[in-house]
Amino acid sequence: MKKELFKDCSMRLNMLDENIHKLAVKYAEEYYITNQCSKEEALERGIVKAEMEGRKL
């Protein structure tokens, strides 16, 4: 997957901790490919999953 897929969402991603940022992009790419949802929805789902994992919820 291209790293530029979520390039237009850089402002949203730059607000996150570096580790959360990496995980969020990874999960967002997976959601985008497998669930066939929009980039924005995939990114939000990826961020939520990464945040929950980071907080061990």
Protein backbone atom coordinates (compact mmCIF):
# COMPACT_ATOMS: atom_id res chain seq x y z
CA MET A 1 0.00 0.00 0.00
CA LYS A 2 1.27 3.46 -0.80
CA LYS A 3 2.33 5.60 2.13
CA GLU A 4 0.70 8.58 0.38
CA LEU A 5 -2.78 7.08 0.74
CA PHE A 6 -3.53 9.22 3.80
CA LYS A 7 -1.21 12.09 2.88
CA ASP A 8 -4.14 14.51 2.59
CA CYS A 9 -5.05 13.71 6.21
CA SER A 10 -1.65 14.68 7.57
CA MET A 11 -3.02 17.45 9.80
CA ARG A 12 -5.26 14.93 11.57
CA LEU A 13 -2.46 12.38 11.91
CA ASN A 14 0.16 14.88 13.08
CA MET A 15 -1.89 15.55 16.23
CA LEU A 16 -1.34 11.96 17.35
CA ASP A 17 1.52 10.42 19.27
CA GLU A 18 4.10 8.91 16.89
CA ASN A 19 3.32 5.31 17.88
CA ILE A 20 -0.42 5.86 17.63
CA HIS A 21 0.12 7.60 14.28
CA LYS A 22 1.92 4.57 12.83
CA LEU A 23 -0.64 2.10 14.14
CA ALA A 24 -3.54 4.25 12.98
CA VAL A 25 -2.20 4.39 9.42
CA LYS A 26 -1.57 0.64 9.45
CA TYR A 27 -5.10 -0.12 10.65
CA ALA A 28 -6.63 2.47 8.33
CA GLU A 29 -4.95 0.85 5.33
CA GLU A 30 -6.35 -2.52 6.40
CA TYR A 31 -9.86 -1.10 6.84
CA TYR A 32 -9.67 0.72 3.52
CA ILE A 33 -8.65 -2.42 1.64
CA THR A 34 -10.85 -5.01 3.35
CA ASN A 35 -13.99 -3.05 4.22
CA GLN A 36 -14.08 -0.97 1.08
CA CYS A 37 -15.02 2.16 3.02
CA SER A 38 -13.97 5.73 2.34
CA LYS A 39 -10.48 6.92 3.27
CA GLU A 40 -11.91 9.22 5.91
CA GLU A 41 -13.93 6.46 7.56
CA ALA A 42 -10.99 4.04 7.40
CA LEU A 43 -8.73 6.65 8.99
CA GLU A 44 -11.16 7.36 11.84
CA ARG A 45 -11.59 3.64 12.50
CA GLY A 46 -7.83 3.17 12.44
CA ILE A 47 -7.29 6.02 14.89
CA VAL A 48 -9.92 4.69 17.28
CA LYS A 49 -8.46 1.17 17.18
CA ALA A 50 -4.90 2.47 17.71
CA GLU A 51 -6.00 4.73 20.60
CA MET A 52 -7.87 1.88 22.28
CA GLU A 53 -4.91 -0.44 21.89
CA GLY A 54 -2.57 2.23 23.24
CA ARG A 55 -4.74 2.61 26.32
CA LYS A 56 -5.22 -1.16 26.59
CA LEU A 57 -9.01 -0.96 26.39
